[in-house]
Amino acid sequence: MRTNRRIFLKTTGFSVIGLVAATGLPKQIFGADQEFVLQNPVSFRNLIGTNFTLYKNDSAIEAVLSDVKVFTPKKSAAVARTPKTASFRLIFRVPEAESEQNIYQVFHPSIGLFNLMLVPGSTENNQPTLSAVINKLA
């Protein structure tokens, strides 16, 4: 039986894809382990005042996490908060020319790299802000 390179590559490629899908490795490879950190306001509160790097296209922006605001439900809310739910807003101070709505890759040395949709907010100490709202539902 004759095997050429094309058949070998197709066979091994599909085998690897099947193995990865069956074992759940994508969650480990693509950072699903950071899901808890991203949806936990307490871990971000410990980072207030520290520098984050925001990557957009081919540029990097230095930002400072200035506040974490937790949204609390009204007492009459039909859905009660459980330990698995959280709603909060992250507010970053950025240089003046960089306050543009976009999806940024956000990096911090202690929590790694993750994506956030950031939108312009009000100014804080004469500096523009970008903010992200994170809603985690049970």
C-alpha atoms as a PDB file:
ATOM      1  CA  MET A   1       0.000   0.000   0.000  1.00  0.00           C
ATOM      2  CA  ARG A   2       1.377   3.341  -1.010  1.00  0.00           C
ATOM      3  CA  THR A   3       1.005   6.381   1.330  1.00  0.00           C
ATOM      4  CA  ASN A   4       1.831   9.850   0.194  1.00  0.00           C
ATOM      5  CA  ARG A   5       2.362  12.953   2.255  1.00  0.00           C
ATOM      6  CA  ARG A   6      -1.087  14.453   1.541  1.00  0.00           C
ATOM      7  CA  ILE A   7      -2.964  11.380   2.790  1.00  0.00           C
ATOM      8  CA  PHE A   8      -0.708  11.168   5.849  1.00  0.00           C
ATOM      9  CA  LEU A   9      -1.291  14.835   6.756  1.00  0.00           C
ATOM     10  CA  LYS A  10      -5.062  14.565   6.268  1.00  0.00           C
ATOM     11  CA  THR A  11      -5.287  11.411   8.374  1.00  0.00           C
ATOM     12  CA  THR A  12      -3.157  12.687  11.245  1.00  0.00           C
ATOM     13  CA  GLY A  13      -4.796  16.128  11.155  1.00  0.00           C
ATOM     14  CA  PHE A  14      -8.296  14.726  11.499  1.00  0.00           C
ATOM     15  CA  SER A  15      -7.114  12.345  14.214  1.00  0.00           C
ATOM     16  CA  VAL A  16      -5.669  15.214  16.264  1.00  0.00           C
ATOM     17  CA  ILE A  17      -8.827  17.315  15.827  1.00  0.00           C
ATOM     18  CA  GLY A  18     -10.973  14.369  16.956  1.00  0.00           C
ATOM     19  CA  LEU A  19      -8.747  13.742  19.973  1.00  0.00           C
ATOM     20  CA  VAL A  20      -8.808  17.390  21.030  1.00  0.00           C
ATOM     21  CA  ALA A  21     -12.593  17.588  20.675  1.00  0.00           C
ATOM     22  CA  ALA A  22     -13.127  14.341  22.600  1.00  0.00           C
ATOM     23  CA  THR A  23     -10.847  15.188  25.532  1.00  0.00           C
ATOM     24  CA  GLY A  24     -11.956  18.775  26.093  1.00  0.00           C
ATOM     25  CA  LEU A  25      -8.472  20.187  25.628  1.00  0.00           C
ATOM     26  CA  PRO A  26      -9.671  23.420  23.983  1.00  0.00           C
ATOM     27  CA  LYS A  27     -10.861  24.687  27.382  1.00  0.00           C
ATOM     28  CA  GLN A  28      -7.374  24.232  28.772  1.00  0.00           C
ATOM     29  CA  ILE A  29      -5.577  25.569  25.706  1.00  0.00           C
ATOM     30  CA  PHE A  30      -7.737  28.611  25.045  1.00  0.00           C
ATOM     31  CA  GLY A  31      -7.943  29.957  28.568  1.00  0.00           C
ATOM     32  CA  ALA A  32     -11.293  28.813  29.906  1.00  0.00           C
ATOM     33  CA  ASP A  33      -9.482  28.432  33.218  1.00  0.00           C
ATOM     34  CA  GLN A  34      -9.529  32.258  33.434  1.00  0.00           C
ATOM     35  CA  GLU A  35     -13.324  32.361  33.306  1.00  0.00           C
ATOM     36  CA  PHE A  36     -13.615  32.478  37.109  1.00  0.00           C
ATOM     37  CA  VAL A  37     -11.142  35.339  37.408  1.00  0.00           C
ATOM     38  CA  LEU A  38     -12.901  37.392  34.757  1.00  0.00           C
ATOM     39  CA  GLN A  39     -16.266  37.035  36.438  1.00  0.00           C
ATOM     40  CA  ASN A  40     -15.218  37.697  40.002  1.00  0.00           C
ATOM     41  CA  PRO A  41     -15.298  41.351  41.128  1.00  0.00           C
ATOM     42  CA  VAL A  42     -13.267  40.615  44.271  1.00  0.00           C
ATOM     43  CA  SER A  43     -10.216  39.551  42.283  1.00  0.00           C
ATOM     44  CA  PHE A  44     -10.388  42.787  40.271  1.00  0.00           C
ATOM     45  CA  ARG A  45     -10.788  44.962  43.379  1.00  0.00           C
ATOM     46  CA  ASN A  46      -7.362  43.757  44.485  1.00  0.00           C
ATOM     47  CA  LEU A  47      -5.949  45.172  41.217  1.00  0.00           C
ATOM     48  CA  ILE A  48      -7.312  48.728  41.507  1.00  0.00           C
ATOM     49  CA  GLY A  49      -4.502  51.196  40.840  1.00  0.00           C
ATOM     50  CA  THR A  50      -2.383  48.723  38.874  1.00  0.00           C
ATOM     51  CA  ASN A  51      -1.394  48.929  35.210  1.00  0.00           C
ATOM     52  CA  PHE A  52      -3.056  46.887  32.479  1.00  0.00           C
ATOM     53  CA  THR A  53      -1.973  46.723  28.853  1.00  0.00           C
ATOM     54  CA  LEU A  54      -4.751  47.005  26.270  1.00  0.00           C
ATOM     55  CA  TYR A  55      -3.928  45.584  22.837  1.00  0.00           C
ATOM     56  CA  LYS A  56      -5.880  46.725  19.785  1.00  0.00           C
ATOM     57  CA  ASN A  57      -4.747  45.815  16.284  1.00  0.00           C
ATOM     58  CA  ASP A  58      -1.005  46.515  16.274  1.00  0.00           C
ATOM     59  CA  SER A  59      -0.936  49.014  19.134  1.00  0.00           C
ATOM     60  CA  ALA A  60      -0.650  48.752  22.906  1.00  0.00           C
ATOM     61  CA  ILE A  61      -2.218  51.162  25.381  1.00  0.00           C
ATOM     62  CA  GLU A  62      -1.269  51.487  29.028  1.00  0.00           C
ATOM     63  CA  ALA A  63      -4.321  51.778  31.274  1.00  0.00           C
ATOM     64  CA  VAL A  64      -4.898  51.904  35.018  1.00  0.00           C
ATOM     65  CA  LEU A  65      -7.806  50.090  36.639  1.00  0.00           C
ATOM     66  CA  SER A  66      -9.399  52.903  38.612  1.00  0.00           C
ATOM     67  CA  ASP A  67     -12.569  51.309  39.976  1.00  0.00           C
ATOM     68  CA  VAL A  68     -14.721  48.194  40.170  1.00  0.00           C
ATOM     69  CA  LYS A  69     -18.416  48.937  40.649  1.00  0.00           C
ATOM     70  CA  VAL A  70     -20.625  46.049  41.686  1.00  0.00           C
ATOM     71  CA  PHE A  71     -24.282  46.193  40.660  1.00  0.00           C
ATOM     72  CA  THR A  72     -26.647  45.036  43.376  1.00  0.00           C
ATOM     73  CA  PRO A  73     -30.165  43.893  42.497  1.00  0.00           C
ATOM     74  CA  LYS A  74     -33.232  45.589  43.891  1.00  0.00           C
ATOM     75  CA  LYS A  75     -35.022  43.709  46.647  1.00  0.00           C
ATOM     76  CA  SER A  76     -37.986  43.225  44.347  1.00  0.00           C
ATOM     77  CA  ALA A  77     -35.886  41.557  41.641  1.00  0.00           C
ATOM     78  CA  ALA A  78     -37.356  38.265  40.501  1.00  0.00           C
ATOM     79  CA  VAL A  79     -33.945  36.608  40.157  1.00  0.00           C
ATOM     80  CA  ALA A  80     -31.988  36.399  43.381  1.00  0.00           C
ATOM     81  CA  ARG A  81     -28.204  36.640  43.303  1.00  0.00           C
ATOM     82  CA  THR A  82     -26.395  33.426  44.031  1.00  0.00           C
ATOM     83  CA  PRO A  83     -22.654  32.870  44.480  1.00  0.00           C
ATOM     84  CA  LYS A  84     -22.601  31.868  40.798  1.00  0.00           C
ATOM     85  CA  THR A  85     -23.918  35.232  39.564  1.00  0.00           C
ATOM     86  CA  ALA A  86     -22.188  38.583  39.416  1.00  0.00           C
ATOM     87  CA  SER A  87     -22.648  41.931  37.690  1.00  0.00           C
ATOM     88  CA  PHE A  88     -19.958  44.556  37.823  1.00  0.00           C
ATOM     89  CA  ARG A  89     -18.205  47.259  35.827  1.00  0.00           C
ATOM     90  CA  LEU A  90     -14.475  47.748  35.361  1.00  0.00           C
ATOM     91  CA  ILE A  91     -13.292  51.315  34.799  1.00  0.00           C
ATOM     92  CA  PHE A  92      -9.877  51.989  33.237  1.00  0.00           C
ATOM     93  CA  ARG A  93      -8.160  55.393  32.951  1.00  0.00           C
ATOM     94  CA  VAL A  94      -6.478  55.741  29.547  1.00  0.00           C
ATOM     95  CA  PRO A  95      -4.452  58.393  27.669  1.00  0.00           C
ATOM     96  CA  GLU A  96      -6.601  61.056  25.985  1.00  0.00           C
ATOM     97  CA  ALA A  97      -6.188  59.930  22.382  1.00  0.00           C
ATOM     98  CA  GLU A  98      -7.005  56.292  23.145  1.00  0.00           C
ATOM     99  CA  SER A  99     -10.637  56.316  24.301  1.00  0.00           C
ATOM    100  CA  GLU A 100     -12.238  54.346  21.470  1.00  0.00           C
ATOM    101  CA  GLN A 101     -14.918  51.660  21.663  1.00  0.00           C
ATOM    102  CA  ASN A 102     -13.449  48.339  20.601  1.00  0.00           C
ATOM    103  CA  ILE A 103     -12.715  44.782  21.629  1.00  0.00           C
ATOM    104  CA  TYR A 104      -9.335  44.819  23.355  1.00  0.00           C
ATOM    105  CA  GLN A 105      -7.031  42.063  24.472  1.00  0.00           C
ATOM    106  CA  VAL A 106      -6.340  42.987  28.089  1.00  0.00           C
ATOM    107  CA  PHE A 107      -3.184  41.847  29.856  1.00  0.00           C
ATOM    108  CA  HIS A 108      -2.205  41.947  33.525  1.00  0.00           C
ATOM    109  CA  PRO A 109       0.775  39.976  34.893  1.00  0.00           C
ATOM    110  CA  SER A 110      -1.216  38.347  37.674  1.00  0.00           C
ATOM    111  CA  ILE A 111      -4.271  37.209  35.657  1.00  0.00           C
ATOM    112  CA  GLY A 112      -2.975  36.881  32.105  1.00  0.00           C
ATOM    113  CA  LEU A 113      -4.531  37.798  28.769  1.00  0.00           C
ATOM    114  CA  PHE A 114      -8.283  38.009  28.058  1.00  0.00           C
ATOM    115  CA  ASN A 115     -10.683  39.867  25.752  1.00  0.00           C
ATOM    116  CA  LEU A 116     -13.016  42.674  26.822  1.00  0.00           C
ATOM    117  CA  MET A 117     -15.390  44.967  24.967  1.00  0.00           C
ATOM    118  CA  LEU A 118     -14.461  48.434  26.263  1.00  0.00           C
ATOM    119  CA  VAL A 119     -16.542  51.560  25.684  1.00  0.00           C
ATOM    120  CA  PRO A 120     -15.735  55.208  26.411  1.00  0.00           C
ATOM    121  CA  GLY A 121     -16.978  56.553  29.715  1.00  0.00           C
ATOM    122  CA  SER A 122     -16.792  59.834  31.582  1.00  0.00           C
ATOM    123  CA  THR A 123     -13.538  61.557  32.444  1.00  0.00           C
ATOM    124  CA  GLU A 124     -11.843  60.923  35.760  1.00  0.00           C
ATOM    125  CA  ASN A 125      -9.172  63.367  37.022  1.00  0.00           C
ATOM    126  CA  ASN A 126      -9.198  64.977  33.546  1.00  0.00           C
ATOM    127  CA  GLN A 127      -8.426  61.623  31.918  1.00  0.00           C
ATOM    128  CA  PRO A 128     -10.861  59.697  29.720  1.00  0.00           C
ATOM    129  CA  THR A 129     -12.007  56.263  30.806  1.00  0.00           C
ATOM    130  CA  LEU A 130     -12.913  53.004  29.128  1.00  0.00           C
ATOM    131  CA  SER A 131     -15.282  50.642  30.882  1.00  0.00           C
ATOM    132  CA  ALA A 132     -16.535  47.080  30.560  1.00  0.00           C
ATOM    133  CA  VAL A 133     -19.662  45.601  32.081  1.00  0.00           C
ATOM    134  CA  ILE A 134     -19.417  41.956  33.075  1.00  0.00           C
ATOM    135  CA  ASN A 135     -22.585  39.956  33.753  1.00  0.00           C
ATOM    136  CA  LYS A 136     -22.237  36.402  34.896  1.00  0.00           C
ATOM    137  CA  LEU A 137     -25.463  34.455  35.099  1.00  0.00           C
ATOM    138  CA  ALA A 138     -25.830  31.096  36.839  1.00  0.00           C
END
